[in-house]
PDB file of N, CA and C in Angstrom:
ATOM      1  N   MET A   1       0.898  -0.888   0.103  1.00  0.00           N
ATOM      2  CA  MET A   1       0.061   0.017   0.082  1.00  0.00           C
ATOM      3  C   MET A   1       1.135   1.175   0.025  1.00  0.00           C
ATOM      4  N   ILE A   2       0.418   2.255  -0.581  1.00  0.00           N
ATOM      5  CA  ILE A   2       1.294   3.856  -0.765  1.00  0.00           C
ATOM      6  C   ILE A   2       0.054   4.320  -0.296  1.00  0.00           C
ATOM      7  N   GLU A   3       0.454   5.424   0.256  1.00  0.00           N
ATOM      8  CA  GLU A   3       0.013   6.818   0.535  1.00  0.00           C
ATOM      9  C   GLU A   3       0.197   7.673  -0.694  1.00  0.00           C
ATOM     10  N   HIS A   4      -0.666   8.086  -1.446  1.00  0.00           N
ATOM     11  CA  HIS A   4      -1.399   9.117  -2.737  1.00  0.00           C
ATOM     12  C   HIS A   4      -1.592  10.361  -2.198  1.00  0.00           C
ATOM     13  N   TYR A   5      -1.375  11.751  -2.502  1.00  0.00           N
ATOM     14  CA  TYR A   5      -1.918  12.710  -2.420  1.00  0.00           C
ATOM     15  C   TYR A   5      -2.358  13.512  -3.602  1.00  0.00           C
ATOM     16  N   PHE A   6      -3.532  14.136  -3.375  1.00  0.00           N
ATOM     17  CA  PHE A   6      -4.246  14.709  -5.291  1.00  0.00           C
ATOM     18  C   PHE A   6      -5.155  15.560  -4.247  1.00  0.00           C
ATOM     19  N   GLN A   7      -5.838  15.771  -5.820  1.00  0.00           N
ATOM     20  CA  GLN A   7      -6.638  16.870  -5.529  1.00  0.00           C
ATOM     21  C   GLN A   7      -8.052  16.399  -6.278  1.00  0.00           C
ATOM     22  N   CYS A   8      -9.419  16.781  -5.002  1.00  0.00           N
ATOM     23  CA  CYS A   8     -10.467  16.111  -5.123  1.00  0.00           C
ATOM     24  C   CYS A   8     -10.688  17.386  -6.393  1.00  0.00           C
ATOM     25  N   PRO A   9     -11.601  16.187  -7.468  1.00  0.00           N
ATOM     26  CA  PRO A   9     -12.248  17.120  -8.123  1.00  0.00           C
ATOM     27  C   PRO A   9     -13.066  18.229  -8.065  1.00  0.00           C
ATOM     28  N   TYR A  10     -14.324  17.883  -7.126  1.00  0.00           N
ATOM     29  CA  TYR A  10     -15.042  18.630  -6.529  1.00  0.00           C
ATOM     30  C   TYR A  10     -14.509  20.106  -5.662  1.00  0.00           C
ATOM     31  N   CYS A  11     -13.899  19.819  -4.214  1.00  0.00           N
ATOM     32  CA  CYS A  11     -14.022  20.900  -3.910  1.00  0.00           C
ATOM     33  C   CYS A  11     -12.869  21.208  -3.801  1.00  0.00           C
ATOM     34  N   TRP A  12     -11.701  20.689  -4.736  1.00  0.00           N
ATOM     35  CA  TRP A  12     -10.441  21.407  -4.982  1.00  0.00           C
ATOM     36  C   TRP A  12      -9.108  21.078  -4.038  1.00  0.00           C
ATOM     37  N   GLU A  13     -10.044  20.382  -2.859  1.00  0.00           N
ATOM     38  CA  GLU A  13      -8.851  20.104  -1.472  1.00  0.00           C
ATOM     39  C   GLU A  13      -7.962  18.853  -1.558  1.00  0.00           C
ATOM     40  N   THR A  14      -6.381  18.940  -0.923  1.00  0.00           N
ATOM     41  CA  THR A  14      -5.368  18.496  -1.489  1.00  0.00           C
ATOM     42  C   THR A  14      -5.739  17.080  -0.648  1.00  0.00           C
ATOM     43  N   ILE A  15      -6.059  15.757  -0.677  1.00  0.00           N
ATOM     44  CA  ILE A  15      -6.795  14.613   0.285  1.00  0.00           C
ATOM     45  C   ILE A  15      -5.303  13.426  -0.211  1.00  0.00           C
ATOM     46  N   SER A  16      -5.659  12.739   0.885  1.00  0.00           N
ATOM     47  CA  SER A  16      -4.591  11.836   0.533  1.00  0.00           C
ATOM     48  C   SER A  16      -5.243   9.948   0.685  1.00  0.00           C
ATOM     49  N   MET A  17      -5.287   9.234  -0.351  1.00  0.00           N
ATOM     50  CA  MET A  17      -5.802   7.631   0.029  1.00  0.00           C
ATOM     51  C   MET A  17      -4.204   7.032  -0.439  1.00  0.00           C
ATOM     52  N   LEU A  18      -4.636   5.617  -0.162  1.00  0.00           N
ATOM     53  CA  LEU A  18      -3.911   4.148   0.168  1.00  0.00           C
ATOM     54  C   LEU A  18      -4.045   3.550  -0.947  1.00  0.00           C
ATOM     55  N   LEU A  19      -3.465   3.608  -1.766  1.00  0.00           N
ATOM     56  CA  LEU A  19      -3.820   2.918  -3.092  1.00  0.00           C
ATOM     57  C   LEU A  19      -2.990   1.227  -2.898  1.00  0.00           C
ATOM     58  N   ASP A  20      -3.506  -0.056  -3.751  1.00  0.00           N
ATOM     59  CA  ASP A  20      -2.704  -0.901  -3.881  1.00  0.00           C
ATOM     60  C   ASP A  20      -2.162  -1.317  -4.869  1.00  0.00           C
ATOM     61  N   SER A  21      -0.867  -1.024  -4.404  1.00  0.00           N
ATOM     62  CA  SER A  21       0.396  -1.283  -5.785  1.00  0.00           C
ATOM     63  C   SER A  21       0.369  -2.754  -5.628  1.00  0.00           C
ATOM     64  N   SER A  22      -0.367  -3.491  -5.452  1.00  0.00           N
ATOM     65  CA  SER A  22       0.024  -4.880  -5.696  1.00  0.00           C
ATOM     66  C   SER A  22      -1.114  -5.828  -6.898  1.00  0.00           C
ATOM     67  N   VAL A  23      -1.757  -4.455  -7.185  1.00  0.00           N
ATOM     68  CA  VAL A  23      -2.532  -4.559  -8.597  1.00  0.00           C
ATOM     69  C   VAL A  23      -2.418  -3.558  -9.732  1.00  0.00           C
ATOM     70  N   ARG A  24      -2.099  -4.550 -10.625  1.00  0.00           N
ATOM     71  CA  ARG A  24      -1.523  -3.449 -11.560  1.00  0.00           C
ATOM     72  C   ARG A  24      -2.320  -2.202 -12.321  1.00  0.00           C
ATOM     73  N   THR A  25      -3.070  -2.418 -12.542  1.00  0.00           N
ATOM     74  CA  THR A  25      -4.686  -1.166 -12.678  1.00  0.00           C
ATOM     75  C   THR A  25      -5.888  -1.706 -12.420  1.00  0.00           C
ATOM     76  N   GLN A  26      -6.413  -0.597 -11.525  1.00  0.00           N
ATOM     77  CA  GLN A  26      -7.759  -0.976 -11.015  1.00  0.00           C
ATOM     78  C   GLN A  26      -8.526   0.612 -11.390  1.00  0.00           C
ATOM     79  N   THR A  27      -9.533   0.147 -10.869  1.00  0.00           N
ATOM     80  CA  THR A  27     -10.904   1.347 -11.016  1.00  0.00           C
ATOM     81  C   THR A  27     -11.771   1.542 -10.050  1.00  0.00           C
ATOM     82  N   TYR A  28     -11.993   2.525  -9.215  1.00  0.00           N
ATOM     83  CA  TYR A  28     -12.836   2.095  -7.638  1.00  0.00           C
ATOM     84  C   TYR A  28     -13.473   3.291  -7.825  1.00  0.00           C
ATOM     85  N   VAL A  29     -14.021   3.438  -6.824  1.00  0.00           N
ATOM     86  CA  VAL A  29     -14.830   4.759  -6.285  1.00  0.00           C
ATOM     87  C   VAL A  29     -14.749   4.646  -4.767  1.00  0.00           C
ATOM     88  N   GLU A  30     -14.114   5.913  -4.376  1.00  0.00           N
ATOM     89  CA  GLU A  30     -14.320   5.939  -3.059  1.00  0.00           C
ATOM     90  C   GLU A  30     -14.497   7.944  -2.368  1.00  0.00           C
ATOM     91  N   ASP A  31     -15.225   8.102  -1.650  1.00  0.00           N
ATOM     92  CA  ASP A  31     -15.662   9.123  -1.343  1.00  0.00           C
ATOM     93  C   ASP A  31     -14.462  10.450  -0.951  1.00  0.00           C
ATOM     94  N   CYS A  32     -14.376  11.536  -1.177  1.00  0.00           N
ATOM     95  CA  CYS A  32     -13.612  12.296  -0.512  1.00  0.00           C
ATOM     96  C   CYS A  32     -13.672  12.590   0.967  1.00  0.00           C
ATOM     97  N   GLU A  33     -12.957  12.670   1.505  1.00  0.00           N
ATOM     98  CA  GLU A  33     -12.671  12.873   3.106  1.00  0.00           C
ATOM     99  C   GLU A  33     -13.043  14.002   3.486  1.00  0.00           C
ATOM    100  N   VAL A  34     -13.227  15.754   2.394  1.00  0.00           N
ATOM    101  CA  VAL A  34     -13.123  16.898   2.938  1.00  0.00           C
ATOM    102  C   VAL A  34     -15.014  16.718   2.829  1.00  0.00           C
ATOM    103  N   CYS A  35     -15.148  17.153   1.311  1.00  0.00           N
ATOM    104  CA  CYS A  35     -16.556  17.122   0.856  1.00  0.00           C
ATOM    105  C   CYS A  35     -17.959  15.989   0.520  1.00  0.00           C
ATOM    106  N   CYS A  36     -16.905  14.438   0.865  1.00  0.00           N
ATOM    107  CA  CYS A  36     -17.701  13.492   0.884  1.00  0.00           C
ATOM    108  C   CYS A  36     -18.542  13.072  -0.487  1.00  0.00           C
ATOM    109  N   ASN A  37     -18.050  13.887  -1.916  1.00  0.00           N
ATOM    110  CA  ASN A  37     -18.611  13.115  -3.137  1.00  0.00           C
ATOM    111  C   ASN A  37     -17.403  12.291  -3.400  1.00  0.00           C
ATOM    112  N   PRO A  38     -18.049  11.468  -4.720  1.00  0.00           N
ATOM    113  CA  PRO A  38     -17.746  10.365  -4.618  1.00  0.00           C
ATOM    114  C   PRO A  38     -16.588  10.255  -6.289  1.00  0.00           C
ATOM    115  N   ILE A  39     -15.191   9.986  -6.113  1.00  0.00           N
ATOM    116  CA  ILE A  39     -14.505  10.243  -6.829  1.00  0.00           C
ATOM    117  C   ILE A  39     -13.726   8.759  -7.624  1.00  0.00           C
ATOM    118  N   GLN A  40     -14.180   8.564  -8.654  1.00  0.00           N
ATOM    119  CA  GLN A  40     -13.342   7.493  -9.457  1.00  0.00           C
ATOM    120  C   GLN A  40     -11.831   7.382  -9.555  1.00  0.00           C
ATOM    121  N   LEU A  41     -11.382   6.701  -8.850  1.00  0.00           N
ATOM    122  CA  LEU A  41      -9.850   6.561  -8.944  1.00  0.00           C
ATOM    123  C   LEU A  41      -9.481   5.659  -9.972  1.00  0.00           C
ATOM    124  N   THR A  42      -8.228   5.883 -10.687  1.00  0.00           N
ATOM    125  CA  THR A  42      -7.804   4.882 -11.444  1.00  0.00           C
ATOM    126  C   THR A  42      -6.340   5.278 -11.709  1.00  0.00           C
ATOM    127  N   PRO A  43      -5.550   3.912 -10.541  1.00  0.00           N
ATOM    128  CA  PRO A  43      -4.512   4.045 -10.651  1.00  0.00           C
ATOM    129  C   PRO A  43      -3.740   2.947 -11.612  1.00  0.00           C
ATOM    130  N   HIS A  44      -2.419   3.268 -11.612  1.00  0.00           N
ATOM    131  CA  HIS A  44      -1.670   2.337 -12.928  1.00  0.00           C
ATOM    132  C   HIS A  44      -0.003   2.320 -11.778  1.00  0.00           C
ATOM    133  N   PHE A  45       0.160   0.647 -11.393  1.00  0.00           N
ATOM    134  CA  PHE A  45       1.413   0.555 -11.436  1.00  0.00           C
ATOM    135  C   PHE A  45       1.949  -0.306 -12.156  1.00  0.00           C
ATOM    136  N   GLU A  46       3.330  -0.133 -12.207  1.00  0.00           N
ATOM    137  CA  GLU A  46       4.797  -0.996 -13.353  1.00  0.00           C
ATOM    138  C   GLU A  46       5.822  -1.158 -11.654  1.00  0.00           C
ATOM    139  N   GLU A  47       5.735  -2.362 -11.564  1.00  0.00           N
ATOM    140  CA  GLU A  47       6.948  -3.063 -10.670  1.00  0.00           C
ATOM    141  C   GLU A  47       6.341  -2.612  -9.075  1.00  0.00           C
ATOM    142  N   SER A  48       5.445  -2.145  -8.604  1.00  0.00           N
ATOM    143  CA  SER A  48       4.981  -1.421  -7.624  1.00  0.00           C
ATOM    144  C   SER A  48       5.193  -0.063  -7.368  1.00  0.00           C
ATOM    145  N   GLN A  49       5.344   0.492  -8.448  1.00  0.00           N
ATOM    146  CA  GLN A  49       5.547   2.047  -8.435  1.00  0.00           C
ATOM    147  C   GLN A  49       4.302   2.553  -9.062  1.00  0.00           C
ATOM    148  N   LEU A  50       4.071   3.488  -8.512  1.00  0.00           N
ATOM    149  CA  LEU A  50       2.935   4.347  -9.327  1.00  0.00           C
ATOM    150  C   LEU A  50       3.142   4.903 -10.673  1.00  0.00           C
ATOM    151  N   VAL A  51       2.747   4.718 -11.743  1.00  0.00           N
ATOM    152  CA  VAL A  51       3.310   5.493 -13.056  1.00  0.00           C
ATOM    153  C   VAL A  51       2.009   6.419 -13.353  1.00  0.00           C
ATOM    154  N   GLY A  52       0.756   6.126 -13.371  1.00  0.00           N
ATOM    155  CA  GLY A  52      -0.124   7.102 -13.569  1.00  0.00           C
ATOM    156  C   GLY A  52      -1.269   7.249 -12.547  1.00  0.00           C
ATOM    157  N   PHE A  53      -1.892   8.065 -12.840  1.00  0.00           N
ATOM    158  CA  PHE A  53      -3.219   8.328 -11.514  1.00  0.00           C
ATOM    159  C   PHE A  53      -4.169   9.386 -12.062  1.00  0.00           C
ATOM    160  N   GLU A  54      -5.316   8.557 -11.775  1.00  0.00           N
ATOM    161  CA  GLU A  54      -6.559   9.846 -12.186  1.00  0.00           C
ATOM    162  C   GLU A  54      -7.972   9.723 -11.027  1.00  0.00           C
ATOM    163  N   ALA A  55      -8.126  10.849 -11.123  1.00  0.00           N
ATOM    164  CA  ALA A  55      -9.188  11.084 -10.200  1.00  0.00           C
ATOM    165  C   ALA A  55     -10.260  11.685 -10.695  1.00  0.00           C
ATOM    166  N   ILE A  56     -11.217  11.635 -10.777  1.00  0.00           N
ATOM    167  CA  ILE A  56     -12.138  12.392 -12.100  1.00  0.00           C
ATOM    168  C   ILE A  56     -13.711  12.430 -11.261  1.00  0.00           C
ATOM    169  N   ASN A  57     -14.270  13.428 -11.297  1.00  0.00           N
ATOM    170  CA  ASN A  57     -15.565  13.159 -10.864  1.00  0.00           C
ATOM    171  C   ASN A  57     -16.293  12.863 -11.643  1.00  0.00           C
ATOM    172  N   ILE A  58     -17.792  11.719 -10.918  1.00  0.00           N
ATOM    173  CA  ILE A  58     -18.185  10.779 -11.493  1.00  0.00           C
ATOM    174  C   ILE A  58     -19.627  11.310 -11.955  1.00  0.00           C
ATOM    175  N   GLU A  59     -19.896  12.392 -11.437  1.00  0.00           N
ATOM    176  CA  GLU A  59     -21.633  12.987 -11.370  1.00  0.00           C
ATOM    177  C   GLU A  59     -21.050  14.055 -12.272  1.00  0.00           C
ATOM    178  N   GLN A  60     -20.455  14.506 -13.580  1.00  0.00           N
ATOM    179  CA  GLN A  60     -20.602  15.226 -14.221  1.00  0.00           C
ATOM    180  C   GLN A  60     -22.145  14.764 -15.690  1.00  0.00           C
TER     181      GLN A  60
END
């Protein structure tokens, strides 16, 4: 698990989430810890290193 910091696509606050580096590509939804809106997270790992990350507003 790694901790990753990013901006919420709703409230623009910097938040952090724990990401599972044992799965190469994954997509899941987590709520922002500040505004509680759902964020779709898509991290990409290569050899347990984060190489790509997307956090999008799913209520567009």
